[in-house]
């Protein structure tokens, strides 16, 4: 099973650039369904800026990220076509 990594803030939740260490914004509409759908074919891992050093290192070493444009259907299409 392939692994897919998805960012938390701004992709899965309603993050608005108002970082609070002790609070995570609510989940975006459609995000749960996206994760559920992905979980059938991928080992889903959630990235978060709350652990920036690890995320930064991984992104530099594994520059195979798909940019989230705000459209979950478009994201699914990009993931399905990704090689």
PDB file of N, CA and C in Angstrom:
ATOM      1  N   UNK A   1       0.853  -1.184   0.000  1.00  0.00           N
ATOM      2  CA  UNK A   1       0.000   0.000   0.000  1.00  0.00           C
ATOM      3  C   UNK A   1       0.893   1.241   0.000  1.00  0.00           C
ATOM      4  N   UNK A   2       0.589   2.190  -0.885  1.00  0.00           N
ATOM      5  CA  UNK A   2       1.326   3.446  -0.946  1.00  0.00           C
ATOM      6  C   UNK A   2       0.935   4.345   0.220  1.00  0.00           C
ATOM      7  N   UNK A   3       1.856   5.211   0.593  1.00  0.00           N
ATOM      8  CA  UNK A   3       1.605   6.187   1.647  1.00  0.00           C
ATOM      9  C   UNK A   3       1.341   7.542   1.021  1.00  0.00           C
ATOM     10  N   UNK A   4       0.371   8.251   1.571  1.00  0.00           N
ATOM     11  CA  UNK A   4       0.076   9.618   1.126  1.00  0.00           C
ATOM     12  C   UNK A   4       0.107  10.526   2.348  1.00  0.00           C
ATOM     13  N   UNK A   5       0.725  11.671   2.197  1.00  0.00           N
ATOM     14  CA  UNK A   5       0.862  12.630   3.288  1.00  0.00           C
ATOM     15  C   UNK A   5       0.046  13.872   2.965  1.00  0.00           C
ATOM     16  N   UNK A   6      -0.737  14.312   3.912  1.00  0.00           N
ATOM     17  CA  UNK A   6      -1.619  15.461   3.712  1.00  0.00           C
ATOM     18  C   UNK A   6      -1.413  16.452   4.852  1.00  0.00           C
ATOM     19  N   UNK A   7      -1.295  17.716   4.495  1.00  0.00           N
ATOM     20  CA  UNK A   7      -1.110  18.764   5.501  1.00  0.00           C
ATOM     21  C   UNK A   7      -2.412  19.018   6.253  1.00  0.00           C
ATOM     22  N   UNK A   8      -2.300  19.320   7.501  1.00  0.00           N
ATOM     23  CA  UNK A   8      -3.461  19.581   8.344  1.00  0.00           C
ATOM     24  C   UNK A   8      -3.972  21.018   8.184  1.00  0.00           C
ATOM     25  N   UNK A   9      -3.156  21.986   8.559  1.00  0.00           N
ATOM     26  CA  UNK A   9      -3.601  23.384   8.602  1.00  0.00           C
ATOM     27  C   UNK A   9      -3.837  23.952   7.212  1.00  0.00           C
ATOM     28  N   UNK A  10      -5.077  24.336   6.954  1.00  0.00           N
ATOM     29  CA  UNK A  10      -5.433  24.946   5.688  1.00  0.00           C
ATOM     30  C   UNK A  10      -5.867  23.971   4.610  1.00  0.00           C
ATOM     31  N   UNK A  11      -5.582  22.696   4.791  1.00  0.00           N
ATOM     32  CA  UNK A  11      -6.006  21.673   3.833  1.00  0.00           C
ATOM     33  C   UNK A  11      -7.163  20.879   4.423  1.00  0.00           C
ATOM     34  N   UNK A  12      -6.950  20.340   5.606  1.00  0.00           N
ATOM     35  CA  UNK A  12      -8.001  19.539   6.241  1.00  0.00           C
ATOM     36  C   UNK A  12      -8.845  20.336   7.221  1.00  0.00           C
ATOM     37  N   UNK A  13      -8.292  21.399   7.756  1.00  0.00           N
ATOM     38  CA  UNK A  13      -9.086  22.199   8.703  1.00  0.00           C
ATOM     39  C   UNK A  13      -9.275  23.624   8.194  1.00  0.00           C
ATOM     40  N   UNK A  14     -10.021  24.385   8.934  1.00  0.00           N
ATOM     41  CA  UNK A  14     -10.374  25.750   8.531  1.00  0.00           C
ATOM     42  C   UNK A  14      -9.363  26.777   9.038  1.00  0.00           C
ATOM     43  N   UNK A  15      -8.121  26.403   9.094  1.00  0.00           N
ATOM     44  CA  UNK A  15      -7.035  27.268   9.546  1.00  0.00           C
ATOM     45  C   UNK A  15      -7.045  28.605   8.811  1.00  0.00           C
ATOM     46  N   UNK A  16      -6.891  29.701   9.537  1.00  0.00           N
ATOM     47  CA  UNK A  16      -6.964  31.042   8.957  1.00  0.00           C
ATOM     48  C   UNK A  16      -5.734  31.893   9.276  1.00  0.00           C
ATOM     49  N   UNK A  17      -4.578  31.276   9.351  1.00  0.00           N
ATOM     50  CA  UNK A  17      -3.321  31.987   9.639  1.00  0.00           C
ATOM     51  C   UNK A  17      -3.275  32.598  11.031  1.00  0.00           C
ATOM     52  N   UNK A  18      -4.122  32.149  11.918  1.00  0.00           N
ATOM     53  CA  UNK A  18      -4.123  32.623  13.293  1.00  0.00           C
ATOM     54  C   UNK A  18      -3.676  31.462  14.183  1.00  0.00           C
ATOM     55  N   UNK A  19      -2.376  31.129  14.111  1.00  0.00           N
ATOM     56  CA  UNK A  19      -1.847  29.966  14.817  1.00  0.00           C
ATOM     57  C   UNK A  19      -2.026  30.093  16.325  1.00  0.00           C
ATOM     58  N   UNK A  20      -2.540  29.022  16.902  1.00  0.00           N
ATOM     59  CA  UNK A  20      -2.655  28.906  18.354  1.00  0.00           C
ATOM     60  C   UNK A  20      -2.152  27.526  18.734  1.00  0.00           C
ATOM     61  N   UNK A  21      -1.132  27.473  19.553  1.00  0.00           N
ATOM     62  CA  UNK A  21      -0.509  26.201  19.907  1.00  0.00           C
ATOM     63  C   UNK A  21      -1.470  25.232  20.582  1.00  0.00           C
ATOM     64  N   UNK A  22      -2.463  25.742  21.256  1.00  0.00           N
ATOM     65  CA  UNK A  22      -3.367  24.878  22.010  1.00  0.00           C
ATOM     66  C   UNK A  22      -4.739  24.718  21.355  1.00  0.00           C
ATOM     67  N   UNK A  23      -4.869  25.087  20.076  1.00  0.00           N
ATOM     68  CA  UNK A  23      -6.172  24.991  19.414  1.00  0.00           C
ATOM     69  C   UNK A  23      -5.987  24.635  17.942  1.00  0.00           C
ATOM     70  N   UNK A  24      -6.749  23.638  17.475  1.00  0.00           N
ATOM     71  CA  UNK A  24      -6.769  23.278  16.063  1.00  0.00           C
ATOM     72  C   UNK A  24      -8.161  23.582  15.530  1.00  0.00           C
ATOM     73  N   UNK A  25      -8.226  24.331  14.458  1.00  0.00           N
ATOM     74  CA  UNK A  25      -9.506  24.726  13.854  1.00  0.00           C
ATOM     75  C   UNK A  25     -10.314  23.503  13.423  1.00  0.00           C
ATOM     76  N   UNK A  26     -11.641  23.657  13.299  1.00  0.00           N
ATOM     77  CA  UNK A  26     -12.508  22.545  12.894  1.00  0.00           C
ATOM     78  C   UNK A  26     -12.184  22.029  11.493  1.00  0.00           C
ATOM     79  N   UNK A  27     -12.567  20.786  11.242  1.00  0.00           N
ATOM     80  CA  UNK A  27     -12.338  20.146   9.949  1.00  0.00           C
ATOM     81  C   UNK A  27     -13.160  20.831   8.859  1.00  0.00           C
ATOM     82  N   UNK A  28     -12.585  20.944   7.653  1.00  0.00           N
ATOM     83  CA  UNK A  28     -13.293  21.536   6.513  1.00  0.00           C
ATOM     84  C   UNK A  28     -14.353  20.573   5.991  1.00  0.00           C
ATOM     85  N   UNK A  29     -15.410  21.137   5.437  1.00  0.00           N
ATOM     86  CA  UNK A  29     -16.445  20.319   4.810  1.00  0.00           C
ATOM     87  C   UNK A  29     -15.820  19.549   3.642  1.00  0.00           C
ATOM     88  N   UNK A  30     -16.039  18.254   3.613  1.00  0.00           N
ATOM     89  CA  UNK A  30     -15.512  17.408   2.549  1.00  0.00           C
ATOM     90  C   UNK A  30     -14.202  16.728   2.893  1.00  0.00           C
ATOM     91  N   UNK A  31     -13.482  17.234   3.888  1.00  0.00           N
ATOM     92  CA  UNK A  31     -12.176  16.668   4.232  1.00  0.00           C
ATOM     93  C   UNK A  31     -12.299  15.251   4.787  1.00  0.00           C
ATOM     94  N   UNK A  32     -13.277  15.015   5.625  1.00  0.00           N
ATOM     95  CA  UNK A  32     -13.458  13.674   6.191  1.00  0.00           C
ATOM     96  C   UNK A  32     -13.727  12.663   5.079  1.00  0.00           C
ATOM     97  N   UNK A  33     -14.605  13.014   4.149  1.00  0.00           N
ATOM     98  CA  UNK A  33     -14.916  12.106   3.041  1.00  0.00           C
ATOM     99  C   UNK A  33     -13.689  11.853   2.181  1.00  0.00           C
ATOM    100  N   UNK A  34     -12.878  12.889   1.947  1.00  0.00           N
ATOM    101  CA  UNK A  34     -11.640  12.727   1.199  1.00  0.00           C
ATOM    102  C   UNK A  34     -10.721  11.726   1.897  1.00  0.00           C
ATOM    103  N   UNK A  35     -10.516  11.900   3.203  1.00  0.00           N
ATOM    104  CA  UNK A  35      -9.646  10.998   3.955  1.00  0.00           C
ATOM    105  C   UNK A  35     -10.172   9.569   3.943  1.00  0.00           C
ATOM    106  N   UNK A  36     -11.464   9.428   4.096  1.00  0.00           N
ATOM    107  CA  UNK A  36     -12.073   8.102   4.084  1.00  0.00           C
ATOM    108  C   UNK A  36     -11.844   7.422   2.738  1.00  0.00           C
ATOM    109  N   UNK A  37     -12.070   8.165   1.661  1.00  0.00           N
ATOM    110  CA  UNK A  37     -11.890   7.634   0.315  1.00  0.00           C
ATOM    111  C   UNK A  37     -10.431   7.247   0.073  1.00  0.00           C
ATOM    112  N   UNK A  38      -9.512   8.117   0.463  1.00  0.00           N
ATOM    113  CA  UNK A  38      -8.089   7.839   0.296  1.00  0.00           C
ATOM    114  C   UNK A  38      -7.640   6.621   1.099  1.00  0.00           C
ATOM    115  N   UNK A  39      -8.228   6.431   2.264  1.00  0.00           N
ATOM    116  CA  UNK A  39      -7.787   5.360   3.165  1.00  0.00           C
ATOM    117  C   UNK A  39      -8.019   3.968   2.598  1.00  0.00           C
ATOM    118  N   UNK A  40      -8.881   3.843   1.594  1.00  0.00           N
ATOM    119  CA  UNK A  40      -9.107   2.535   0.983  1.00  0.00           C
ATOM    120  C   UNK A  40      -7.911   2.077   0.145  1.00  0.00           C
ATOM    121  N   UNK A  41      -7.139   3.033  -0.386  1.00  0.00           N
ATOM    122  CA  UNK A  41      -6.024   2.683  -1.258  1.00  0.00           C
ATOM    123  C   UNK A  41      -4.663   3.196  -0.792  1.00  0.00           C
ATOM    124  N   UNK A  42      -4.667   4.044   0.235  1.00  0.00           N
ATOM    125  CA  UNK A  42      -3.421   4.643   0.699  1.00  0.00           C
ATOM    126  C   UNK A  42      -3.310   4.554   2.220  1.00  0.00           C
ATOM    127  N   UNK A  43      -2.077   4.502   2.690  1.00  0.00           N
ATOM    128  CA  UNK A  43      -1.794   4.662   4.110  1.00  0.00           C
ATOM    129  C   UNK A  43      -1.689   6.168   4.320  1.00  0.00           C
ATOM    130  N   UNK A  44      -2.707   6.775   4.891  1.00  0.00           N
ATOM    131  CA  UNK A  44      -2.799   8.239   5.006  1.00  0.00           C
ATOM    132  C   UNK A  44      -2.047   8.715   6.245  1.00  0.00           C
ATOM    133  N   UNK A  45      -1.155   9.667   6.034  1.00  0.00           N
ATOM    134  CA  UNK A  45      -0.418  10.317   7.117  1.00  0.00           C
ATOM    135  C   UNK A  45      -0.735  11.803   7.078  1.00  0.00           C
ATOM    136  N   UNK A  46      -0.903  12.393   8.226  1.00  0.00           N
ATOM    137  CA  UNK A  46      -1.226  13.815   8.311  1.00  0.00           C
ATOM    138  C   UNK A  46       0.024  14.597   8.697  1.00  0.00           C
ATOM    139  N   UNK A  47       0.354  15.567   7.865  1.00  0.00           N
ATOM    140  CA  UNK A  47       1.436  16.499   8.182  1.00  0.00           C
ATOM    141  C   UNK A  47       0.841  17.711   8.868  1.00  0.00           C
ATOM    142  N   UNK A  48       1.648  18.339   9.679  1.00  0.00           N
ATOM    143  CA  UNK A  48       1.198  19.562  10.326  1.00  0.00           C
ATOM    144  C   UNK A  48       2.357  20.513  10.525  1.00  0.00           C
ATOM    145  N   UNK A  49       2.110  21.791  10.378  1.00  0.00           N
ATOM    146  CA  UNK A  49       3.150  22.791  10.622  1.00  0.00           C
ATOM    147  C   UNK A  49       3.499  22.856  12.099  1.00  0.00           C
ATOM    148  N   UNK A  50       2.744  22.162  12.886  1.00  0.00           N
ATOM    149  CA  UNK A  50       3.021  22.137  14.323  1.00  0.00           C
ATOM    150  C   UNK A  50       4.290  21.354  14.637  1.00  0.00           C
ATOM    151  N   UNK A  51       4.836  20.696  13.644  1.00  0.00           N
ATOM    152  CA  UNK A  51       6.117  20.010  13.766  1.00  0.00           C
ATOM    153  C   UNK A  51       6.936  20.407  12.539  1.00  0.00           C
ATOM    154  N   UNK A  52       7.290  21.670  12.438  1.00  0.00           N
ATOM    155  CA  UNK A  52       7.893  22.238  11.238  1.00  0.00           C
ATOM    156  C   UNK A  52       9.236  21.637  10.850  1.00  0.00           C
ATOM    157  N   UNK A  53      10.080  21.328  11.807  1.00  0.00           N
ATOM    158  CA  UNK A  53      11.410  20.821  11.465  1.00  0.00           C
ATOM    159  C   UNK A  53      11.318  19.505  10.703  1.00  0.00           C
ATOM    160  N   UNK A  54      10.520  18.590  11.203  1.00  0.00           N
ATOM    161  CA  UNK A  54      10.361  17.309  10.535  1.00  0.00           C
ATOM    162  C   UNK A  54       9.693  17.474   9.170  1.00  0.00           C
ATOM    163  N   UNK A  55       8.671  18.283   9.101  1.00  0.00           N
ATOM    164  CA  UNK A  55       7.971  18.520   7.835  1.00  0.00           C
ATOM    165  C   UNK A  55       8.907  19.151   6.819  1.00  0.00           C
ATOM    166  N   UNK A  56       9.660  20.155   7.222  1.00  0.00           N
ATOM    167  CA  UNK A  56      10.585  20.838   6.317  1.00  0.00           C
ATOM    168  C   UNK A  56      11.635  19.871   5.782  1.00  0.00           C
ATOM    169  N   UNK A  57      12.209  19.074   6.647  1.00  0.00           N
ATOM    170  CA  UNK A  57      13.223  18.102   6.239  1.00  0.00           C
ATOM    171  C   UNK A  57      12.650  17.103   5.230  1.00  0.00           C
ATOM    172  N   UNK A  58      11.457  16.608   5.520  1.00  0.00           N
ATOM    173  CA  UNK A  58      10.843  15.637   4.616  1.00  0.00           C
ATOM    174  C   UNK A  58      10.554  16.264   3.255  1.00  0.00           C
ATOM    175  N   UNK A  59      10.024  17.472   3.232  1.00  0.00           N
ATOM    176  CA  UNK A  59       9.700  18.136   1.967  1.00  0.00           C
ATOM    177  C   UNK A  59      10.950  18.390   1.132  1.00  0.00           C
ATOM    178  N   UNK A  60      12.033  18.762   1.770  1.00  0.00           N
ATOM    179  CA  UNK A  60      13.281  19.001   1.049  1.00  0.00           C
ATOM    180  C   UNK A  60      13.816  17.701   0.467  1.00  0.00           C
ATOM    181  N   UNK A  61      13.761  16.634   1.247  1.00  0.00           N
ATOM    182  CA  UNK A  61      14.296  15.346   0.814  1.00  0.00           C
ATOM    183  C   UNK A  61      13.358  14.566  -0.101  1.00  0.00           C
ATOM    184  N   UNK A  62      12.104  14.880  -0.091  1.00  0.00           N
ATOM    185  CA  UNK A  62      11.113  14.133  -0.873  1.00  0.00           C
ATOM    186  C   UNK A  62      10.197  15.093  -1.622  1.00  0.00           C
ATOM    187  N   UNK A  63      10.756  15.851  -2.518  1.00  0.00           N
ATOM    188  CA  UNK A  63       9.993  16.874  -3.220  1.00  0.00           C
ATOM    189  C   UNK A  63       9.072  16.248  -4.264  1.00  0.00           C
ATOM    190  N   UNK A  64       8.039  15.537  -3.768  1.00  0.00           N
ATOM    191  CA  UNK A  64       7.049  14.915  -4.638  1.00  0.00           C
ATOM    192  C   UNK A  64       5.657  15.287  -4.139  1.00  0.00           C
ATOM    193  N   UNK A  65       5.503  16.505  -3.730  1.00  0.00           N
ATOM    194  CA  UNK A  65       4.235  16.965  -3.151  1.00  0.00           C
ATOM    195  C   UNK A  65       3.275  17.436  -4.232  1.00  0.00           C
ATOM    196  N   UNK A  66       2.003  17.304  -3.954  1.00  0.00           N
ATOM    197  CA  UNK A  66       0.948  17.818  -4.809  1.00  0.00           C
ATOM    198  C   UNK A  66       0.369  19.043  -4.121  1.00  0.00           C
ATOM    199  N   UNK A  67       0.281  20.135  -4.844  1.00  0.00           N
ATOM    200  CA  UNK A  67      -0.238  21.372  -4.269  1.00  0.00           C
ATOM    201  C   UNK A  67      -1.760  21.320  -4.177  1.00  0.00           C
ATOM    202  N   UNK A  68      -2.289  21.667  -3.024  1.00  0.00           N
ATOM    203  CA  UNK A  68      -3.734  21.713  -2.814  1.00  0.00           C
ATOM    204  C   UNK A  68      -4.251  23.071  -3.251  1.00  0.00           C
ATOM    205  N   UNK A  69      -5.180  23.073  -4.209  1.00  0.00           N
ATOM    206  CA  UNK A  69      -5.703  24.321  -4.761  1.00  0.00           C
ATOM    207  C   UNK A  69      -6.997  24.766  -4.091  1.00  0.00           C
ATOM    208  N   UNK A  70      -7.512  23.960  -3.168  1.00  0.00           N
ATOM    209  CA  UNK A  70      -8.775  24.274  -2.516  1.00  0.00           C
ATOM    210  C   UNK A  70      -9.929  23.432  -3.037  1.00  0.00           C
ATOM    211  N   UNK A  71      -9.676  22.636  -4.073  1.00  0.00           N
ATOM    212  CA  UNK A  71     -10.702  21.807  -4.700  1.00  0.00           C
ATOM    213  C   UNK A  71     -10.381  20.336  -4.439  1.00  0.00           C
ATOM    214  N   UNK A  72     -11.173  19.664  -3.592  1.00  0.00           N
ATOM    215  CA  UNK A  72     -10.909  18.277  -3.220  1.00  0.00           C
ATOM    216  C   UNK A  72     -11.028  17.319  -4.410  1.00  0.00           C
ATOM    217  N   UNK A  73     -11.969  17.578  -5.316  1.00  0.00           N
ATOM    218  CA  UNK A  73     -12.129  16.703  -6.481  1.00  0.00           C
ATOM    219  C   UNK A  73     -10.894  16.793  -7.381  1.00  0.00           C
ATOM    220  N   UNK A  74     -10.401  18.010  -7.597  1.00  0.00           N
ATOM    221  CA  UNK A  74      -9.180  18.200  -8.363  1.00  0.00           C
ATOM    222  C   UNK A  74      -8.008  17.501  -7.684  1.00  0.00           C
ATOM    223  N   UNK A  75      -7.949  17.579  -6.372  1.00  0.00           N
ATOM    224  CA  UNK A  75      -6.884  16.916  -5.615  1.00  0.00           C
ATOM    225  C   UNK A  75      -6.929  15.412  -5.819  1.00  0.00           C
ATOM    226  N   UNK A  76      -8.127  14.814  -5.755  1.00  0.00           N
ATOM    227  CA  UNK A  76      -8.266  13.369  -5.975  1.00  0.00           C
ATOM    228  C   UNK A  76      -7.780  12.994  -7.375  1.00  0.00           C
ATOM    229  N   UNK A  77      -8.127  13.786  -8.378  1.00  0.00           N
ATOM    230  CA  UNK A  77      -7.680  13.513  -9.747  1.00  0.00           C
ATOM    231  C   UNK A  77      -6.164  13.555  -9.846  1.00  0.00           C
ATOM    232  N   UNK A  78      -5.546  14.550  -9.221  1.00  0.00           N
ATOM    233  CA  UNK A  78      -4.088  14.657  -9.240  1.00  0.00           C
ATOM    234  C   UNK A  78      -3.453  13.462  -8.537  1.00  0.00           C
ATOM    235  N   UNK A  79      -4.007  13.030  -7.424  1.00  0.00           N
ATOM    236  CA  UNK A  79      -3.471  11.901  -6.671  1.00  0.00           C
ATOM    237  C   UNK A  79      -3.567  10.622  -7.484  1.00  0.00           C
ATOM    238  N   UNK A  80      -4.706  10.403  -8.122  1.00  0.00           N
ATOM    239  CA  UNK A  80      -4.918   9.194  -8.910  1.00  0.00           C
ATOM    240  C   UNK A  80      -3.971   9.118 -10.112  1.00  0.00           C
ATOM    241  N   UNK A  81      -3.581  10.281 -10.653  1.00  0.00           N
ATOM    242  CA  UNK A  81      -2.695  10.320 -11.821  1.00  0.00           C
ATOM    243  C   UNK A  81      -1.218  10.411 -11.430  1.00  0.00           C
ATOM    244  N   UNK A  82      -0.940  10.589 -10.159  1.00  0.00           N
ATOM    245  CA  UNK A  82       0.420  10.793  -9.672  1.00  0.00           C
ATOM    246  C   UNK A  82       1.248   9.519  -9.797  1.00  0.00           C
ATOM    247  N   UNK A  83       2.460   9.649 -10.308  1.00  0.00           N
ATOM    248  CA  UNK A  83       3.371   8.488 -10.423  1.00  0.00           C
ATOM    249  C   UNK A  83       4.703   8.821  -9.810  1.00  0.00           C
TER     250      UNK A  83
END
